[in-house]
Amino acid sequence: MKTLTIRWQRLVNESGQTCTRCADTGSTVENAYNKLKKSLVELGIEVELKKEILDFSIFTDDPLQSNRIWIAGRPLEEWIGASVGKTQCCDACGESECRTISIDQKTFEIIPEEMIIQAGLLAAAELLKNGFQDK
């Protein structure tokens, strides 16, 4: 069985808190993961979700690393033709400008479930394509 990995990282401060944007994206990542896992098992693809924590020192050096998602080793934005931006955040992030994703002239602070599913399906199609090319 082939494996499709979804990796999501976000800032978690010393008090164990994250910002609303990351917390809400965490829910959409979890929902997308569950739907992809259920859908792709019939195609022989196992889906795994890895959640990683950024500490404040890494976040301070590069705030755009928080709320970042990779699908099959590639950034989400590459799969769906989106661009990365930044907007003022809140809570745990302090005064930092945090990651956004823009596509079709719309900007998202919370990464929608549909974007993650779309990227997952594109990655799954690539896994399947590579599988039949080997035979």
Protein backbone atom coordinates (compact mmCIF):
# COMPACT_ATOMS: atom_id res chain seq x y z
CA MET A 1 0.00 0.00 0.00
CA LYS A 2 1.27 3.46 -0.90
CA THR A 3 1.30 6.24 1.70
CA LEU A 4 0.18 9.84 1.25
CA THR A 5 1.44 12.03 4.08
CA ILE A 6 -0.17 15.29 5.14
CA ARG A 7 2.15 17.32 7.35
CA TRP A 8 0.94 20.42 9.18
CA GLN A 9 2.99 22.66 11.44
CA ARG A 10 2.00 25.55 13.64
CA LEU A 11 3.25 27.72 16.45
CA VAL A 12 2.47 26.56 19.96
CA ASN A 13 3.68 28.96 22.64
CA GLU A 14 5.15 28.13 26.05
CA SER A 15 1.64 28.01 27.53
CA GLY A 16 0.54 25.41 24.98
CA GLN A 17 -1.58 27.95 23.10
CA THR A 18 -1.87 28.57 19.37
CA CYS A 19 -3.67 31.34 17.52
CA THR A 20 -7.25 31.09 16.29
CA ARG A 21 -6.10 30.86 12.67
CA CYS A 22 -3.96 27.79 13.38
CA ALA A 23 -6.54 26.21 15.69
CA ASP A 24 -9.23 26.52 13.02
CA THR A 25 -6.90 25.24 10.30
CA GLY A 26 -6.19 22.30 12.60
CA SER A 27 -9.87 21.39 12.38
CA THR A 28 -9.95 21.66 8.59
CA VAL A 29 -6.76 19.58 8.28
CA GLU A 30 -8.28 16.89 10.50
CA ASN A 31 -11.55 16.85 8.49
CA ALA A 32 -9.71 16.70 5.16
CA TYR A 33 -7.46 13.92 6.45
CA ASN A 34 -10.44 11.84 7.56
CA LYS A 35 -12.21 12.26 4.21
CA LEU A 36 -9.10 11.48 2.18
CA LYS A 37 -8.29 8.48 4.37
CA LYS A 38 -11.77 7.05 3.87
CA SER A 39 -11.80 7.75 0.12
CA LEU A 40 -8.30 6.67 -0.85
CA VAL A 41 -8.09 3.36 1.02
CA GLU A 42 -10.08 1.73 -1.80
CA LEU A 43 -7.36 2.82 -4.21
CA GLY A 44 -4.62 1.26 -2.10
CA ILE A 45 -3.41 4.55 -0.64
CA GLU A 46 -2.98 4.96 3.09
CA VAL A 47 -3.21 8.55 4.33
CA GLU A 48 -1.26 9.64 7.38
CA LEU A 49 -1.37 12.95 9.24
CA LYS A 50 1.65 14.39 11.02
CA LYS A 51 1.17 17.44 13.25
CA GLU A 52 4.31 19.33 14.16
CA ILE A 53 4.88 22.09 16.68
CA LEU A 54 7.03 25.14 16.01
CA ASP A 55 8.57 26.79 19.02
CA PHE A 56 8.61 30.56 19.33
CA SER A 57 12.30 30.92 18.36
CA ILE A 58 11.72 29.25 14.97
CA PHE A 59 8.50 31.21 14.49
CA THR A 60 10.25 34.51 15.29
CA ASP A 61 12.84 33.85 12.58
CA ASP A 62 10.20 33.00 9.96
CA PRO A 63 6.51 33.43 10.89
CA LEU A 64 5.43 32.05 7.50
CA GLN A 65 6.50 28.59 8.68
CA SER A 66 3.48 28.48 10.98
CA ASN A 67 0.18 27.09 9.67
CA ARG A 68 2.04 25.46 6.80
CA ILE A 69 0.83 22.27 5.12
CA TRP A 70 2.70 19.77 2.96
CA ILE A 71 1.02 17.05 0.95
CA ALA A 72 3.26 14.18 -0.18
CA GLY A 73 6.32 16.28 0.57
CA ARG A 74 5.26 19.33 -1.44
CA PRO A 75 3.77 22.56 -0.08
CA LEU A 76 0.00 22.77 -0.41
CA GLU A 77 0.24 25.93 -2.51
CA GLU A 78 2.29 24.12 -5.18
CA TRP A 79 -0.38 21.46 -5.66
CA ILE A 80 -3.22 23.94 -6.18
CA GLY A 81 -1.46 26.89 -7.83
CA ALA A 82 -1.89 29.22 -4.87
CA SER A 83 0.43 31.90 -3.55
CA VAL A 84 1.59 32.58 0.00
CA GLY A 85 1.05 35.91 1.69
CA LYS A 86 0.79 37.28 5.18
CA THR A 87 -1.58 39.28 7.35
CA GLN A 88 -1.50 40.54 10.91
CA CYS A 89 -2.26 37.75 13.36
CA CYS A 90 -3.21 37.73 17.02
CA ASP A 91 -3.09 35.78 20.27
CA ALA A 92 -0.08 33.49 20.52
CA CYS A 93 1.61 35.06 17.50
CA GLY A 94 1.90 38.51 19.04
CA GLU A 95 2.49 41.24 16.48
CA SER A 96 3.66 38.90 13.73
CA GLU A 97 2.23 38.73 10.25
CA CYS A 98 1.30 35.11 9.65
CA ARG A 99 0.82 32.86 6.62
CA THR A 100 -2.11 33.22 4.26
CA ILE A 101 -2.91 31.37 1.03
CA SER A 102 -4.35 33.19 -1.99
CA ILE A 103 -6.02 31.67 -5.02
CA ASP A 104 -8.43 33.12 -7.57
CA GLN A 105 -8.04 36.58 -6.00
CA LYS A 106 -9.28 35.29 -2.61
CA THR A 107 -7.08 35.22 0.48
CA PHE A 108 -7.52 32.68 3.26
CA GLU A 109 -6.09 32.93 6.76
CA ILE A 110 -7.69 29.63 7.73
CA ILE A 111 -6.86 26.97 5.15
CA PRO A 112 -10.14 25.54 3.80
CA GLU A 113 -10.77 21.81 3.93
CA GLU A 114 -11.53 21.80 0.19
CA MET A 115 -8.03 23.11 -0.64
CA ILE A 116 -6.43 20.35 1.38
CA ILE A 117 -8.64 17.70 -0.22
CA GLN A 118 -7.92 19.03 -3.70
CA ALA A 119 -4.16 18.90 -3.06
CA GLY A 120 -4.53 15.42 -1.56
CA LEU A 121 -6.41 14.14 -4.59
CA LEU A 122 -3.81 15.59 -6.96
CA ALA A 123 -1.05 13.94 -4.93
CA ALA A 124 -2.97 10.64 -4.90
CA ALA A 125 -3.36 10.78 -8.68
CA GLU A 126 0.41 11.25 -8.97
CA LEU A 127 1.00 8.25 -6.68
CA LEU A 128 -1.30 6.14 -8.83
CA LYS A 129 0.34 7.36 -12.05
CA ASN A 130 3.77 6.47 -10.72
CA GLY A 131 2.44 3.03 -9.72
CA PHE A 132 1.30 2.03 -13.19
CA GLN A 133 4.40 3.47 -14.86
CA ASP A 134 6.51 0.96 -12.91
CA LYS A 135 4.65 -2.03 -14.33
